[in-house]
């Protein structure tokens, strides 16, 4: 019983000694000094995941027509349709 009690006291003293000799260190982050790199000319940095398709309208002889245009690929979709 005496050995267990003395072992507990020894462990407590060792733990306290370690905690006092090795205090907690606070680490803080700093802003990076390097400027953001510009994309080389001719390369696009943002690429959409889905095609951007919108209606394009034109008026010809007083009639309004519409046609789908894919802005992502730069291609027309379908034919000109008169609007009602």
N, C-alpha and C. Protein backbone atom coordinates (compact mmCIF):
# COMPACT_ATOMS: atom_id res chain seq x y z
N UNK A 1 0.82 -1.18 0.00
CA UNK A 1 0.00 0.00 0.00
C UNK A 1 0.87 1.25 0.00
N UNK A 2 1.95 1.18 0.76
CA UNK A 2 2.84 2.32 0.85
C UNK A 2 3.55 2.54 -0.49
N UNK A 3 3.87 1.43 -1.20
CA UNK A 3 4.54 1.53 -2.49
C UNK A 3 3.62 2.20 -3.52
N UNK A 4 2.33 1.87 -3.51
CA UNK A 4 1.37 2.45 -4.47
C UNK A 4 1.22 3.94 -4.20
N UNK A 5 1.14 4.30 -2.94
CA UNK A 5 0.99 5.71 -2.59
C UNK A 5 2.23 6.50 -3.00
N UNK A 6 3.41 5.94 -2.76
CA UNK A 6 4.64 6.64 -3.12
C UNK A 6 4.79 6.70 -4.65
N UNK A 7 4.30 5.69 -5.39
CA UNK A 7 4.33 5.69 -6.85
C UNK A 7 3.41 6.78 -7.40
N UNK A 8 2.24 6.95 -6.79
CA UNK A 8 1.31 8.01 -7.21
C UNK A 8 1.93 9.38 -7.01
N UNK A 9 2.56 9.60 -5.86
CA UNK A 9 3.18 10.88 -5.55
C UNK A 9 4.32 11.15 -6.54
N UNK A 10 5.11 10.12 -6.84
CA UNK A 10 6.21 10.26 -7.79
C UNK A 10 5.68 10.65 -9.18
N UNK A 11 4.61 10.00 -9.63
CA UNK A 11 4.03 10.31 -10.94
C UNK A 11 3.48 11.74 -10.98
N UNK A 12 2.85 12.17 -9.91
CA UNK A 12 2.31 13.52 -9.86
C UNK A 12 3.44 14.55 -9.90
N UNK A 13 4.49 14.30 -9.14
CA UNK A 13 5.62 15.23 -9.12
C UNK A 13 6.29 15.29 -10.51
N UNK A 14 6.46 14.14 -11.16
CA UNK A 14 7.05 14.13 -12.51
C UNK A 14 6.16 14.87 -13.50
N UNK A 15 4.87 14.67 -13.42
CA UNK A 15 3.95 15.35 -14.34
C UNK A 15 3.99 16.85 -14.14
N UNK A 16 3.97 17.30 -12.90
CA UNK A 16 4.03 18.73 -12.63
C UNK A 16 5.35 19.33 -13.09
N UNK A 17 6.43 18.61 -12.90
CA UNK A 17 7.74 19.09 -13.33
C UNK A 17 7.78 19.26 -14.86
N UNK A 18 7.26 18.28 -15.57
CA UNK A 18 7.24 18.36 -17.03
C UNK A 18 6.37 19.53 -17.49
N UNK A 19 5.21 19.70 -16.88
CA UNK A 19 4.32 20.79 -17.26
C UNK A 19 4.94 22.16 -16.98
N UNK A 20 5.70 22.28 -15.89
CA UNK A 20 6.31 23.57 -15.56
C UNK A 20 7.53 23.87 -16.42
N UNK A 21 8.27 22.83 -16.81
CA UNK A 21 9.47 23.05 -17.62
C UNK A 21 9.16 23.21 -19.11
N UNK A 22 8.03 22.70 -19.56
CA UNK A 22 7.64 22.77 -20.98
C UNK A 22 6.31 23.51 -21.09
N UNK A 23 6.34 24.83 -21.02
CA UNK A 23 5.07 25.57 -21.10
C UNK A 23 4.46 25.48 -22.50
N UNK A 24 3.19 25.73 -22.58
CA UNK A 24 2.49 25.70 -23.87
C UNK A 24 2.99 26.84 -24.75
N UNK A 25 3.16 26.57 -26.01
CA UNK A 25 3.65 27.56 -26.95
C UNK A 25 2.51 27.95 -27.88
N UNK A 26 2.32 29.25 -28.05
CA UNK A 26 1.29 29.73 -28.96
C UNK A 26 1.92 30.01 -30.31
N UNK A 27 1.33 29.45 -31.37
CA UNK A 27 1.84 29.62 -32.72
C UNK A 27 0.82 30.45 -33.48
N UNK A 28 1.31 31.49 -34.18
CA UNK A 28 0.40 32.32 -34.97
C UNK A 28 0.85 32.31 -36.43
N UNK A 29 -0.11 32.45 -37.31
CA UNK A 29 0.18 32.45 -38.74
C UNK A 29 0.42 33.88 -39.21
N UNK A 30 1.25 34.01 -40.23
CA UNK A 30 1.52 35.31 -40.82
C UNK A 30 1.13 35.27 -42.29
N UNK A 31 0.82 36.43 -42.83
CA UNK A 31 0.46 36.52 -44.25
C UNK A 31 1.69 36.22 -45.11
N UNK A 32 1.46 35.58 -46.23
CA UNK A 32 2.55 35.27 -47.14
C UNK A 32 3.06 36.54 -47.81
N UNK A 33 4.36 36.61 -48.01
CA UNK A 33 4.97 37.78 -48.63
C UNK A 33 4.98 37.70 -50.15
N UNK A 34 4.71 36.52 -50.70
CA UNK A 34 4.78 36.38 -52.15
C UNK A 34 3.48 36.86 -52.78
N UNK A 35 3.56 37.66 -53.85
CA UNK A 35 2.35 38.12 -54.53
C UNK A 35 1.72 36.99 -55.33
N UNK A 36 0.42 37.04 -55.59
CA UNK A 36 -0.21 35.99 -56.38
C UNK A 36 0.36 35.98 -57.80
N UNK A 37 0.52 34.80 -58.35
CA UNK A 37 1.11 34.68 -59.67
C UNK A 37 0.05 34.93 -60.73
N UNK A 38 0.40 35.71 -61.72
CA UNK A 38 -0.50 35.99 -62.83
C UNK A 38 -0.46 34.83 -63.81
N UNK A 39 -1.61 34.54 -64.40
CA UNK A 39 -1.68 33.46 -65.38
C UNK A 39 -0.95 33.89 -66.65
N UNK A 40 -0.24 32.97 -67.28
CA UNK A 40 0.43 33.30 -68.54
C UNK A 40 -0.60 33.73 -69.58
N UNK A 41 -0.20 34.62 -70.47
CA UNK A 41 -1.13 35.13 -71.47
C UNK A 41 -1.61 33.99 -72.36
N UNK A 42 -2.87 34.05 -72.72
CA UNK A 42 -3.44 33.04 -73.58
C UNK A 42 -4.07 31.88 -72.82
N UNK A 43 -3.82 31.77 -71.53
CA UNK A 43 -4.41 30.70 -70.74
C UNK A 43 -5.52 31.25 -69.87
N UNK A 44 -6.59 30.52 -69.79
CA UNK A 44 -7.72 30.95 -68.98
C UNK A 44 -7.64 30.25 -67.63
N UNK A 45 -7.80 31.00 -66.56
CA UNK A 45 -7.67 30.41 -65.23
C UNK A 45 -8.99 29.89 -64.70
N UNK A 46 -10.10 30.48 -65.13
CA UNK A 46 -11.40 30.05 -64.65
C UNK A 46 -12.11 29.32 -65.78
N UNK A 47 -12.51 28.09 -65.52
CA UNK A 47 -13.21 27.32 -66.52
C UNK A 47 -14.53 26.85 -65.95
N UNK A 48 -15.65 27.22 -66.55
CA UNK A 48 -16.93 26.78 -66.04
C UNK A 48 -17.11 25.28 -66.23
N UNK A 49 -17.85 24.65 -65.34
CA UNK A 49 -18.08 23.22 -65.42
C UNK A 49 -19.28 22.89 -66.31
N UNK A 50 -20.19 23.82 -66.47
CA UNK A 50 -21.37 23.60 -67.28
C UNK A 50 -21.39 24.61 -68.43
N UNK A 51 -21.94 24.22 -69.58
CA UNK A 51 -22.01 25.18 -70.68
C UNK A 51 -22.96 26.33 -70.35
N UNK A 52 -22.63 27.50 -70.88
CA UNK A 52 -23.47 28.68 -70.68
C UNK A 52 -24.27 28.87 -71.96
N UNK A 53 -25.55 28.53 -71.92
CA UNK A 53 -26.40 28.59 -73.10
C UNK A 53 -27.50 29.61 -72.85
N UNK A 54 -27.61 30.58 -73.77
CA UNK A 54 -28.62 31.63 -73.64
C UNK A 54 -29.25 31.91 -75.00
N UNK A 55 -30.43 32.51 -74.95
CA UNK A 55 -31.13 32.91 -76.17
C UNK A 55 -30.52 34.20 -76.70
N UNK A 56 -30.38 34.29 -78.03
CA UNK A 56 -29.94 35.50 -78.71
C UNK A 56 -31.10 35.93 -79.62
N UNK A 57 -31.42 37.21 -79.60
CA UNK A 57 -32.56 37.72 -80.36
C UNK A 57 -32.07 38.63 -81.47
N UNK A 58 -32.83 38.64 -82.57
CA UNK A 58 -32.56 39.58 -83.65
C UNK A 58 -33.90 39.96 -84.27
N UNK A 59 -33.94 41.13 -84.86
CA UNK A 59 -35.15 41.58 -85.54
C UNK A 59 -34.84 41.73 -87.02
N UNK A 60 -35.67 41.11 -87.83
CA UNK A 60 -35.48 41.16 -89.27
C UNK A 60 -36.83 41.34 -89.95
N UNK A 61 -37.01 42.42 -90.70
CA UNK A 61 -38.26 42.75 -91.39
C UNK A 61 -39.43 42.84 -90.41
N UNK A 62 -39.18 43.37 -89.23
CA UNK A 62 -40.23 43.55 -88.25
C UNK A 62 -40.60 42.30 -87.47
N UNK A 63 -39.93 41.20 -87.72
CA UNK A 63 -40.19 39.94 -87.01
C UNK A 63 -39.00 39.65 -86.10
N UNK A 64 -39.28 39.29 -84.86
CA UNK A 64 -38.22 38.98 -83.88
C UNK A 64 -37.95 37.48 -83.93
N UNK A 65 -36.68 37.15 -84.08
CA UNK A 65 -36.23 35.76 -84.11
C UNK A 65 -35.34 35.49 -82.89
N UNK A 66 -35.29 34.22 -82.50
CA UNK A 66 -34.41 33.83 -81.39
C UNK A 66 -33.66 32.55 -81.78
N UNK A 67 -32.48 32.41 -81.17
CA UNK A 67 -31.64 31.24 -81.44
C UNK A 67 -30.77 31.00 -80.22
N UNK A 68 -30.55 29.75 -79.87
CA UNK A 68 -29.69 29.42 -78.73
C UNK A 68 -28.23 29.53 -79.12
N UNK A 69 -27.43 30.08 -78.19
CA UNK A 69 -25.99 30.24 -78.40
C UNK A 69 -25.24 29.70 -77.19
N UNK A 70 -24.25 28.86 -77.43
CA UNK A 70 -23.42 28.31 -76.37
C UNK A 70 -22.20 29.21 -76.20
N UNK A 71 -22.18 30.00 -75.13
CA UNK A 71 -21.09 30.94 -74.90
C UNK A 71 -19.80 30.24 -74.50
N UNK A 72 -19.90 29.03 -73.99
CA UNK A 72 -18.72 28.29 -73.56
C UNK A 72 -17.90 27.82 -74.77
N UNK A 73 -18.60 27.26 -75.78
CA UNK A 73 -17.90 26.74 -76.96
C UNK A 73 -17.90 27.73 -78.12
N UNK A 74 -18.77 28.76 -78.04
CA UNK A 74 -18.85 29.74 -79.13
C UNK A 74 -19.58 29.22 -80.34
N UNK A 75 -20.55 28.32 -80.14
CA UNK A 75 -21.27 27.71 -81.25
C UNK A 75 -22.77 27.99 -81.14
N UNK A 76 -23.42 28.07 -82.30
CA UNK A 76 -24.86 28.22 -82.34
C UNK A 76 -25.52 26.85 -82.16
N UNK A 77 -26.70 26.85 -81.53
CA UNK A 77 -27.46 25.62 -81.33
C UNK A 77 -28.80 25.79 -82.04
N UNK A 78 -29.06 24.97 -83.03
CA UNK A 78 -30.33 25.03 -83.74
C UNK A 78 -30.38 26.17 -84.75
N UNK A 79 -31.60 26.46 -85.22
CA UNK A 79 -31.83 27.49 -86.23
C UNK A 79 -32.57 28.67 -85.61
N UNK A 80 -32.66 29.76 -86.40
CA UNK A 80 -33.42 30.92 -85.97
C UNK A 80 -34.91 30.59 -85.96
N UNK A 81 -35.58 30.88 -84.85
CA UNK A 81 -37.01 30.58 -84.69
C UNK A 81 -37.75 31.90 -84.50
N UNK A 82 -38.83 32.11 -85.26
CA UNK A 82 -39.61 33.34 -85.04
C UNK A 82 -40.33 33.29 -83.70
N UNK A 83 -40.30 34.38 -82.97
CA UNK A 83 -40.99 34.47 -81.67
C UNK A 83 -42.47 34.80 -81.93
N UNK A 84 -43.33 34.19 -81.18
CA UNK A 84 -44.78 34.47 -81.33
C UNK A 84 -45.20 35.59 -80.43
